N, C-alpha and C. Protein backbone atom coordinates (compact mmCIF):
# COMPACT_ATOMS: atom_id res chain seq x y z
N MET A 1 14.11 -18.91 -1.52
CA MET A 1 15.42 -19.26 -1.04
C MET A 1 15.75 -18.57 0.28
N LEU A 2 15.41 -17.28 0.42
CA LEU A 2 15.73 -16.56 1.64
C LEU A 2 14.91 -17.07 2.83
N VAL A 3 13.66 -17.43 2.59
CA VAL A 3 12.83 -17.97 3.67
C VAL A 3 13.43 -19.29 4.16
N GLU A 4 13.83 -20.13 3.22
CA GLU A 4 14.42 -21.41 3.59
C GLU A 4 15.74 -21.24 4.33
N ARG A 5 16.53 -20.30 3.89
CA ARG A 5 17.82 -20.03 4.55
C ARG A 5 17.59 -19.62 6.01
N ARG A 6 16.63 -18.72 6.21
CA ARG A 6 16.31 -18.25 7.55
C ARG A 6 15.69 -19.37 8.38
N ALA A 7 14.77 -20.12 7.79
CA ALA A 7 14.09 -21.20 8.51
C ALA A 7 15.05 -22.32 8.90
N GLY A 8 16.12 -22.49 8.14
CA GLY A 8 17.05 -23.58 8.39
C GLY A 8 18.04 -23.33 9.51
N LEU A 9 18.05 -22.17 10.09
CA LEU A 9 18.98 -21.89 11.19
C LEU A 9 18.66 -22.76 12.40
N ALA A 10 19.65 -23.46 12.91
CA ALA A 10 19.43 -24.37 14.03
C ALA A 10 19.39 -23.66 15.37
N ASP A 11 20.14 -22.58 15.51
CA ASP A 11 20.26 -21.90 16.81
C ASP A 11 19.52 -20.56 16.82
N LYS A 12 18.36 -20.53 16.20
CA LYS A 12 17.59 -19.29 16.07
C LYS A 12 17.26 -18.62 17.42
N PRO A 13 16.87 -19.35 18.47
CA PRO A 13 16.58 -18.68 19.74
C PRO A 13 17.80 -17.93 20.31
N GLU A 14 18.96 -18.55 20.25
CA GLU A 14 20.17 -17.90 20.76
C GLU A 14 20.55 -16.69 19.91
N LEU A 15 20.44 -16.84 18.61
CA LEU A 15 20.77 -15.73 17.71
C LEU A 15 19.79 -14.57 17.90
N SER A 16 18.51 -14.88 18.06
CA SER A 16 17.50 -13.83 18.30
C SER A 16 17.80 -13.09 19.60
N TYR A 17 18.20 -13.82 20.63
CA TYR A 17 18.56 -13.22 21.90
C TYR A 17 19.74 -12.26 21.73
N THR A 18 20.75 -12.68 20.99
CA THR A 18 21.93 -11.85 20.77
C THR A 18 21.56 -10.56 20.04
N VAL A 19 20.71 -10.67 19.03
CA VAL A 19 20.26 -9.48 18.31
C VAL A 19 19.49 -8.56 19.26
N ALA A 20 18.59 -9.13 20.06
CA ALA A 20 17.79 -8.33 20.99
C ALA A 20 18.68 -7.55 21.96
N GLN A 21 19.72 -8.16 22.47
CA GLN A 21 20.62 -7.48 23.40
C GLN A 21 21.29 -6.27 22.74
N LYS A 22 21.65 -6.40 21.49
CA LYS A 22 22.25 -5.27 20.76
C LYS A 22 21.22 -4.16 20.55
N VAL A 23 20.00 -4.55 20.21
CA VAL A 23 18.94 -3.57 19.95
C VAL A 23 18.61 -2.78 21.21
N LEU A 24 18.57 -3.45 22.35
CA LEU A 24 18.21 -2.78 23.60
C LEU A 24 19.14 -1.61 23.91
N SER A 25 20.39 -1.70 23.51
CA SER A 25 21.33 -0.61 23.78
C SER A 25 21.18 0.54 22.78
N LEU A 26 20.39 0.34 21.74
CA LEU A 26 20.25 1.36 20.69
C LEU A 26 18.99 2.21 20.80
N VAL A 27 17.96 1.69 21.45
CA VAL A 27 16.64 2.33 21.36
C VAL A 27 16.18 2.95 22.66
N SER A 28 15.33 3.96 22.51
CA SER A 28 14.61 4.59 23.62
C SER A 28 13.47 5.38 22.99
N GLY A 29 12.61 5.91 23.81
CA GLY A 29 11.50 6.73 23.30
C GLY A 29 10.39 5.87 22.71
N ASN A 30 9.83 6.32 21.60
CA ASN A 30 8.73 5.62 20.94
C ASN A 30 9.29 4.61 19.96
N VAL A 31 9.09 3.33 20.26
CA VAL A 31 9.68 2.24 19.48
C VAL A 31 8.57 1.35 18.92
N MET A 32 8.52 1.25 17.58
CA MET A 32 7.60 0.30 16.96
C MET A 32 8.39 -0.94 16.62
N VAL A 33 7.90 -2.09 17.08
CA VAL A 33 8.58 -3.36 16.85
C VAL A 33 7.55 -4.38 16.36
N TYR A 34 7.89 -5.09 15.31
CA TYR A 34 6.99 -6.11 14.79
C TYR A 34 6.92 -7.30 15.74
N VAL A 35 5.78 -7.95 15.76
CA VAL A 35 5.61 -9.18 16.52
C VAL A 35 5.90 -10.32 15.54
N SER A 36 6.93 -11.09 15.84
CA SER A 36 7.43 -12.07 14.87
C SER A 36 6.42 -13.17 14.57
N ILE A 37 6.46 -13.59 13.30
CA ILE A 37 5.66 -14.72 12.84
C ILE A 37 6.56 -15.64 12.02
N GLY A 38 6.16 -16.89 11.89
CA GLY A 38 6.91 -17.83 11.07
C GLY A 38 8.35 -17.96 11.50
N SER A 39 9.25 -17.89 10.52
CA SER A 39 10.68 -18.08 10.80
C SER A 39 11.42 -16.76 11.04
N GLU A 40 10.66 -15.66 11.22
CA GLU A 40 11.31 -14.37 11.46
C GLU A 40 12.15 -14.41 12.74
N LEU A 41 13.11 -13.52 12.82
CA LEU A 41 13.87 -13.34 14.04
C LEU A 41 12.87 -13.10 15.17
N ASP A 42 12.96 -13.86 16.23
CA ASP A 42 11.99 -13.82 17.32
C ASP A 42 12.09 -12.51 18.09
N THR A 43 10.98 -11.77 18.17
CA THR A 43 10.97 -10.49 18.87
C THR A 43 10.27 -10.55 20.22
N TYR A 44 9.77 -11.72 20.63
CA TYR A 44 9.02 -11.79 21.88
C TYR A 44 9.86 -11.38 23.09
N GLY A 45 11.08 -11.90 23.20
CA GLY A 45 11.95 -11.53 24.31
C GLY A 45 12.31 -10.06 24.28
N LEU A 46 12.57 -9.54 23.10
CA LEU A 46 12.88 -8.12 22.95
C LEU A 46 11.71 -7.26 23.42
N ILE A 47 10.50 -7.62 23.00
CA ILE A 47 9.33 -6.84 23.40
C ILE A 47 9.14 -6.89 24.92
N ARG A 48 9.32 -8.04 25.52
CA ARG A 48 9.19 -8.15 26.98
C ARG A 48 10.20 -7.23 27.68
N CYS A 49 11.42 -7.19 27.18
CA CYS A 49 12.44 -6.30 27.77
C CYS A 49 12.07 -4.83 27.58
N LEU A 50 11.53 -4.50 26.41
CA LEU A 50 11.12 -3.12 26.16
C LEU A 50 9.97 -2.71 27.09
N PHE A 51 9.05 -3.62 27.38
CA PHE A 51 7.95 -3.34 28.31
C PHE A 51 8.49 -2.95 29.68
N ASP A 52 9.62 -3.51 30.09
CA ASP A 52 10.19 -3.25 31.41
C ASP A 52 10.91 -1.91 31.50
N ARG A 53 11.15 -1.28 30.38
CA ARG A 53 11.93 -0.04 30.38
C ARG A 53 11.02 1.17 30.54
N LYS A 54 11.42 2.06 31.42
CA LYS A 54 10.64 3.29 31.67
C LYS A 54 10.87 4.33 30.57
N ASP A 55 11.97 4.19 29.82
CA ASP A 55 12.30 5.17 28.79
C ASP A 55 11.78 4.76 27.40
N VAL A 56 10.89 3.75 27.35
CA VAL A 56 10.40 3.26 26.06
C VAL A 56 8.88 3.15 26.08
N ASN A 57 8.25 3.63 25.02
CA ASN A 57 6.84 3.38 24.73
C ASN A 57 6.81 2.40 23.58
N VAL A 58 6.17 1.25 23.77
CA VAL A 58 6.19 0.19 22.78
C VAL A 58 4.95 0.27 21.89
N TYR A 59 5.20 0.23 20.59
CA TYR A 59 4.14 0.20 19.58
C TYR A 59 4.33 -1.04 18.72
N ALA A 60 3.24 -1.54 18.17
CA ALA A 60 3.31 -2.64 17.23
C ALA A 60 2.61 -2.20 15.95
N PRO A 61 3.11 -2.62 14.81
CA PRO A 61 2.44 -2.27 13.56
C PRO A 61 1.14 -3.06 13.42
N PHE A 62 0.06 -2.37 13.16
CA PHE A 62 -1.21 -3.00 12.83
C PHE A 62 -1.41 -2.75 11.34
N THR A 63 -1.53 -3.81 10.58
CA THR A 63 -1.63 -3.67 9.12
C THR A 63 -3.07 -3.92 8.69
N LEU A 64 -3.61 -2.94 7.97
CA LEU A 64 -4.97 -3.03 7.48
C LEU A 64 -4.97 -2.60 6.02
N ASN A 65 -5.35 -3.50 5.14
CA ASN A 65 -5.37 -3.23 3.70
C ASN A 65 -4.03 -2.69 3.20
N GLY A 66 -2.95 -3.28 3.69
CA GLY A 66 -1.62 -2.90 3.23
C GLY A 66 -1.06 -1.63 3.83
N VAL A 67 -1.75 -1.07 4.82
CA VAL A 67 -1.30 0.17 5.47
C VAL A 67 -0.90 -0.15 6.91
N ILE A 68 0.30 0.27 7.28
CA ILE A 68 0.78 0.07 8.65
C ILE A 68 0.38 1.25 9.52
N VAL A 69 -0.19 0.92 10.68
CA VAL A 69 -0.54 1.93 11.68
C VAL A 69 0.12 1.50 12.99
N PRO A 70 0.98 2.35 13.57
CA PRO A 70 1.56 2.01 14.87
C PRO A 70 0.50 2.15 15.96
N ARG A 71 0.34 1.10 16.74
CA ARG A 71 -0.63 1.13 17.84
C ARG A 71 0.09 0.81 19.14
N PRO A 72 -0.26 1.51 20.23
CA PRO A 72 0.40 1.24 21.51
C PRO A 72 0.17 -0.22 21.92
N LEU A 73 1.23 -0.85 22.38
CA LEU A 73 1.17 -2.26 22.75
C LEU A 73 1.20 -2.38 24.27
N VAL A 74 0.26 -3.15 24.84
CA VAL A 74 0.23 -3.32 26.28
C VAL A 74 0.47 -4.75 26.72
N LYS A 75 0.25 -5.73 25.80
CA LYS A 75 0.55 -7.11 26.14
C LYS A 75 0.76 -7.91 24.86
N LEU A 76 1.40 -9.06 25.02
CA LEU A 76 1.67 -9.94 23.89
C LEU A 76 0.66 -11.08 23.85
N ASP A 77 0.39 -11.52 22.66
CA ASP A 77 -0.43 -12.71 22.43
C ASP A 77 0.01 -13.28 21.09
N ARG A 78 -0.68 -14.24 20.59
CA ARG A 78 -0.37 -14.83 19.29
C ARG A 78 -0.89 -13.93 18.17
N PRO A 79 -0.03 -13.54 17.24
CA PRO A 79 -0.49 -12.72 16.12
C PRO A 79 -1.16 -13.58 15.05
N ASN A 80 -1.94 -12.93 14.19
CA ASN A 80 -2.47 -13.64 13.04
C ASN A 80 -1.38 -13.78 11.99
N ASN A 81 -1.71 -14.26 10.82
CA ASN A 81 -0.68 -14.56 9.83
C ASN A 81 -0.04 -13.33 9.20
N ILE A 82 -0.51 -12.13 9.50
CA ILE A 82 0.17 -10.92 9.03
C ILE A 82 0.76 -10.11 10.18
N GLY A 83 0.76 -10.68 11.37
CA GLY A 83 1.42 -10.03 12.50
C GLY A 83 0.55 -9.15 13.36
N ASN A 84 -0.74 -9.04 13.05
CA ASN A 84 -1.64 -8.25 13.90
C ASN A 84 -2.04 -9.06 15.12
N LEU A 85 -2.04 -8.40 16.27
CA LEU A 85 -2.41 -9.04 17.52
C LEU A 85 -3.91 -8.88 17.76
N PRO A 86 -4.47 -9.67 18.70
CA PRO A 86 -5.87 -9.44 19.07
C PRO A 86 -6.06 -8.03 19.63
N GLU A 87 -7.25 -7.51 19.48
CA GLU A 87 -7.54 -6.12 19.85
C GLU A 87 -7.16 -5.79 21.29
N GLU A 88 -7.32 -6.74 22.21
CA GLU A 88 -7.06 -6.45 23.63
C GLU A 88 -5.56 -6.26 23.93
N CYS A 89 -4.70 -6.50 22.97
CA CYS A 89 -3.26 -6.30 23.17
C CYS A 89 -2.85 -4.85 23.01
N TYR A 90 -3.73 -4.06 22.43
CA TYR A 90 -3.39 -2.66 22.17
C TYR A 90 -3.96 -1.77 23.26
N GLY A 91 -3.24 -0.69 23.54
CA GLY A 91 -3.65 0.24 24.58
C GLY A 91 -4.78 1.13 24.14
N GLN A 92 -5.24 1.92 25.08
CA GLN A 92 -6.33 2.86 24.82
C GLN A 92 -5.91 3.87 23.76
N ALA A 93 -6.85 4.20 22.92
CA ALA A 93 -6.61 5.21 21.90
C ALA A 93 -6.44 6.57 22.55
N GLU A 94 -5.57 7.37 21.99
CA GLU A 94 -5.35 8.71 22.52
C GLU A 94 -5.67 9.77 21.50
N ASN A 95 -6.11 9.37 20.30
CA ASN A 95 -6.38 10.33 19.25
C ASN A 95 -7.69 9.95 18.56
N ALA A 96 -8.80 10.47 19.10
CA ALA A 96 -10.12 10.09 18.61
C ALA A 96 -10.36 10.55 17.17
N GLU A 97 -9.67 11.59 16.73
CA GLU A 97 -9.86 12.09 15.37
C GLU A 97 -9.29 11.13 14.33
N ASN A 98 -8.47 10.21 14.74
CA ASN A 98 -7.82 9.29 13.80
C ASN A 98 -8.35 7.86 14.01
N ASP A 99 -9.67 7.74 14.08
CA ASP A 99 -10.32 6.44 14.29
C ASP A 99 -9.81 5.74 15.55
N GLY A 100 -9.46 6.53 16.55
CA GLY A 100 -9.04 5.94 17.81
C GLY A 100 -7.64 5.36 17.80
N ILE A 101 -6.88 5.59 16.77
CA ILE A 101 -5.53 5.04 16.72
C ILE A 101 -4.53 6.15 16.99
N PHE A 102 -3.67 5.93 17.93
CA PHE A 102 -2.69 6.93 18.34
C PHE A 102 -1.51 6.93 17.39
N VAL A 103 -1.28 8.04 16.72
CA VAL A 103 -0.17 8.15 15.79
C VAL A 103 0.75 9.25 16.28
N GLU A 104 1.99 8.94 16.34
CA GLU A 104 2.99 9.87 16.86
C GLU A 104 4.28 9.61 16.10
N ILE A 105 5.17 10.55 16.11
CA ILE A 105 6.47 10.32 15.48
C ILE A 105 7.19 9.23 16.25
N LEU A 106 7.67 8.26 15.51
CA LEU A 106 8.41 7.17 16.12
C LEU A 106 9.89 7.52 16.18
N ASP A 107 10.52 7.17 17.28
CA ASP A 107 11.96 7.34 17.36
C ASP A 107 12.68 6.20 16.64
N PHE A 108 12.15 5.00 16.79
CA PHE A 108 12.76 3.82 16.18
C PHE A 108 11.68 2.92 15.62
N CYS A 109 11.94 2.38 14.44
CA CYS A 109 11.05 1.41 13.83
C CYS A 109 11.86 0.15 13.55
N LEU A 110 11.56 -0.92 14.25
CA LEU A 110 12.27 -2.19 14.11
C LEU A 110 11.51 -3.05 13.12
N THR A 111 12.13 -3.34 11.99
CA THR A 111 11.42 -3.94 10.88
C THR A 111 11.89 -5.35 10.55
N PRO A 112 10.95 -6.18 10.12
CA PRO A 112 11.30 -7.53 9.67
C PRO A 112 11.82 -7.47 8.24
N LEU A 113 12.48 -8.52 7.82
CA LEU A 113 12.95 -8.57 6.44
C LEU A 113 13.30 -10.00 6.05
N LEU A 114 13.30 -10.23 4.75
CA LEU A 114 13.77 -11.51 4.22
C LEU A 114 15.25 -11.43 3.89
N GLY A 115 15.69 -10.26 3.44
CA GLY A 115 17.09 -10.05 3.09
C GLY A 115 17.42 -8.58 3.15
N PHE A 116 18.71 -8.28 3.20
CA PHE A 116 19.17 -6.89 3.18
C PHE A 116 20.50 -6.85 2.43
N ASN A 117 20.80 -5.67 1.86
CA ASN A 117 22.06 -5.54 1.13
C ASN A 117 22.99 -4.54 1.82
N SER A 118 24.16 -4.36 1.28
CA SER A 118 25.18 -3.51 1.91
C SER A 118 24.86 -2.02 1.83
N ASP A 119 23.83 -1.65 1.08
CA ASP A 119 23.40 -0.25 1.01
C ASP A 119 22.23 0.04 1.94
N GLY A 120 21.76 -0.96 2.67
CA GLY A 120 20.69 -0.74 3.64
C GLY A 120 19.29 -0.98 3.10
N PHE A 121 19.18 -1.52 1.92
CA PHE A 121 17.86 -1.82 1.41
C PHE A 121 17.45 -3.21 1.86
N ARG A 122 16.15 -3.39 2.05
CA ARG A 122 15.64 -4.66 2.54
C ARG A 122 14.73 -5.31 1.51
N ILE A 123 14.69 -6.60 1.55
CA ILE A 123 13.69 -7.36 0.81
C ILE A 123 12.64 -7.73 1.84
N GLY A 124 11.42 -7.26 1.59
CA GLY A 124 10.33 -7.58 2.50
C GLY A 124 9.51 -8.73 1.95
N TYR A 125 8.22 -8.65 2.17
CA TYR A 125 7.33 -9.72 1.74
C TYR A 125 6.58 -9.38 0.46
N GLY A 126 6.97 -8.28 -0.20
CA GLY A 126 6.45 -7.97 -1.52
C GLY A 126 5.23 -7.09 -1.58
N LYS A 127 4.74 -6.64 -0.44
CA LYS A 127 3.54 -5.80 -0.45
C LYS A 127 3.86 -4.31 -0.32
N GLY A 128 5.09 -3.99 0.05
CA GLY A 128 5.50 -2.59 0.15
C GLY A 128 4.97 -1.84 1.35
N CYS A 129 4.45 -2.54 2.35
CA CYS A 129 3.84 -1.87 3.52
C CYS A 129 4.85 -0.98 4.26
N TYR A 130 6.03 -1.51 4.54
CA TYR A 130 7.02 -0.72 5.28
C TYR A 130 7.59 0.40 4.40
N ASP A 131 7.80 0.15 3.13
CA ASP A 131 8.29 1.22 2.24
C ASP A 131 7.31 2.38 2.18
N ARG A 132 6.03 2.07 2.08
CA ARG A 132 5.01 3.13 2.07
C ARG A 132 5.00 3.86 3.40
N TYR A 133 5.08 3.11 4.49
CA TYR A 133 5.08 3.75 5.81
C TYR A 133 6.26 4.70 5.94
N PHE A 134 7.46 4.22 5.57
CA PHE A 134 8.66 5.06 5.69
C PHE A 134 8.58 6.29 4.80
N ALA A 135 7.98 6.17 3.63
CA ALA A 135 7.87 7.30 2.71
C ALA A 135 6.90 8.36 3.21
N GLU A 136 5.93 7.96 4.01
CA GLU A 136 4.86 8.88 4.41
C GLU A 136 4.92 9.35 5.85
N HIS A 137 5.74 8.71 6.69
CA HIS A 137 5.74 9.03 8.11
C HIS A 137 7.16 9.22 8.63
N ALA A 138 7.28 10.15 9.56
CA ALA A 138 8.58 10.41 10.17
C ALA A 138 8.96 9.29 11.13
N CYS A 139 10.18 8.90 11.05
CA CYS A 139 10.76 7.92 11.98
C CYS A 139 12.24 8.27 12.05
N LYS A 140 12.73 8.51 13.24
CA LYS A 140 14.13 8.95 13.37
C LYS A 140 15.13 7.89 12.91
N LYS A 141 14.88 6.62 13.23
CA LYS A 141 15.79 5.54 12.82
C LYS A 141 14.98 4.32 12.39
N ARG A 142 15.31 3.84 11.21
CA ARG A 142 14.71 2.61 10.68
C ARG A 142 15.75 1.50 10.82
N ILE A 143 15.42 0.51 11.64
CA ILE A 143 16.37 -0.54 11.96
C ILE A 143 15.82 -1.89 11.51
N GLY A 144 16.58 -2.58 10.69
CA GLY A 144 16.23 -3.93 10.30
C GLY A 144 16.77 -4.92 11.32
N LEU A 145 16.00 -5.98 11.58
CA LEU A 145 16.45 -7.06 12.45
C LEU A 145 16.62 -8.30 11.59
N ALA A 146 17.82 -8.87 11.62
CA ALA A 146 18.09 -9.99 10.70
C ALA A 146 19.18 -10.90 11.25
N PHE A 147 19.22 -12.08 10.68
CA PHE A 147 20.33 -12.98 10.90
C PHE A 147 21.37 -12.68 9.82
N GLU A 148 22.62 -12.89 10.13
CA GLU A 148 23.70 -12.60 9.18
C GLU A 148 23.50 -13.33 7.85
N CYS A 149 22.91 -14.51 7.88
CA CYS A 149 22.70 -15.28 6.64
C CYS A 149 21.69 -14.62 5.70
N GLN A 150 21.03 -13.57 6.14
CA GLN A 150 20.05 -12.88 5.30
C GLN A 150 20.68 -11.76 4.46
N ARG A 151 21.97 -11.53 4.62
CA ARG A 151 22.65 -10.51 3.82
C ARG A 151 22.84 -11.05 2.41
N VAL A 152 22.36 -10.32 1.42
CA VAL A 152 22.42 -10.74 0.02
C VAL A 152 22.69 -9.54 -0.87
N ASN A 153 23.14 -9.81 -2.08
CA ASN A 153 23.32 -8.75 -3.07
C ASN A 153 22.08 -8.68 -3.95
N PHE A 154 21.53 -7.49 -4.10
CA PHE A 154 20.40 -7.27 -4.99
C PHE A 154 20.31 -5.79 -5.29
N THR A 155 19.60 -5.48 -6.36
CA THR A 155 19.34 -4.09 -6.73
C THR A 155 17.95 -3.72 -6.24
N PRO A 156 17.84 -2.64 -5.46
CA PRO A 156 16.52 -2.28 -4.94
C PRO A 156 15.61 -1.74 -6.04
N ASP A 157 14.31 -1.84 -5.79
CA ASP A 157 13.32 -1.24 -6.67
C ASP A 157 13.29 0.26 -6.41
N PRO A 158 12.82 1.06 -7.37
CA PRO A 158 12.81 2.52 -7.19
C PRO A 158 12.03 3.00 -5.97
N HIS A 159 10.99 2.29 -5.57
CA HIS A 159 10.17 2.73 -4.44
C HIS A 159 10.73 2.26 -3.08
N ASP A 160 11.77 1.45 -3.07
CA ASP A 160 12.32 0.93 -1.82
C ASP A 160 12.95 2.04 -0.98
N MET A 161 12.69 1.98 0.31
CA MET A 161 13.23 2.95 1.26
C MET A 161 14.33 2.27 2.07
N PRO A 162 15.51 2.89 2.17
CA PRO A 162 16.61 2.24 2.88
C PRO A 162 16.45 2.30 4.41
N LEU A 163 17.10 1.35 5.05
CA LEU A 163 17.21 1.35 6.51
C LEU A 163 18.35 2.27 6.92
N ASP A 164 18.34 2.69 8.17
CA ASP A 164 19.48 3.42 8.72
C ASP A 164 20.55 2.46 9.21
N CYS A 165 20.10 1.32 9.71
CA CYS A 165 21.04 0.29 10.14
C CYS A 165 20.33 -1.06 10.19
N CYS A 166 21.11 -2.10 10.31
CA CYS A 166 20.58 -3.44 10.45
C CYS A 166 21.37 -4.12 11.56
N VAL A 167 20.64 -4.77 12.46
CA VAL A 167 21.27 -5.46 13.58
C VAL A 167 21.21 -6.96 13.32
N THR A 168 22.38 -7.58 13.33
CA THR A 168 22.48 -9.04 13.19
C THR A 168 23.14 -9.58 14.45
N GLU A 169 23.26 -10.90 14.52
CA GLU A 169 23.91 -11.51 15.67
C GLU A 169 25.40 -11.14 15.73
N ARG A 170 25.98 -10.74 14.61
CA ARG A 170 27.41 -10.42 14.59
C ARG A 170 27.71 -8.95 14.86
N LYS A 171 26.86 -8.06 14.32
CA LYS A 171 27.19 -6.64 14.45
C LYS A 171 26.00 -5.75 14.13
N VAL A 172 26.21 -4.46 14.39
CA VAL A 172 25.26 -3.43 13.97
C VAL A 172 25.87 -2.77 12.75
N LEU A 173 25.19 -2.87 11.63
CA LEU A 173 25.68 -2.30 10.38
C LEU A 173 24.97 -0.98 10.12
N TYR A 174 25.73 0.11 10.02
CA TYR A 174 25.16 1.42 9.72
C TYR A 174 25.33 1.70 8.23
N PHE A 175 24.31 2.32 7.64
CA PHE A 175 24.31 2.60 6.22
C PHE A 175 24.34 4.10 5.97
N LYS A 176 24.96 4.48 4.85
CA LYS A 176 24.99 5.88 4.45
C LYS A 176 23.59 6.31 4.07
N SER A 177 23.25 7.55 4.38
CA SER A 177 21.93 8.02 3.97
C SER A 177 22.03 8.94 2.78
């Protein structure tokens, strides 16, 4: 139902642009942002704007066997069905001890979601990748990107990790921690 609700939005490009403009005023430093797939809120314009900023280092989540690894992003291309980009889209590794993948504390993690509730919990795609990442790695702010129609009432699972805020086309919603 949530996928259909999101997919049925007629003005998705305009709404995605509005969300991106709000996000740009919130972030700086090391920012991990998902590369949108399917009917997700489009992040391509947001990523292009982040590339232009001198105060931002852009990372994209690379998912391998259900584990998210932030990798430096240098260009955009078409992602595969789980959001991973071709290898040439990622920058040079800076940490050879970690299989060549640069891992650093993220200032902001911009996350996809199917739904979110008023307590800041998100419904993802059911694999728990972001919840595991949030539980194991430092990130100063966890920000969900969503359309207002994705707000729903639900009870989170015990392993779910809350967001700090969620940005929709209407507003930035901050949650209690």
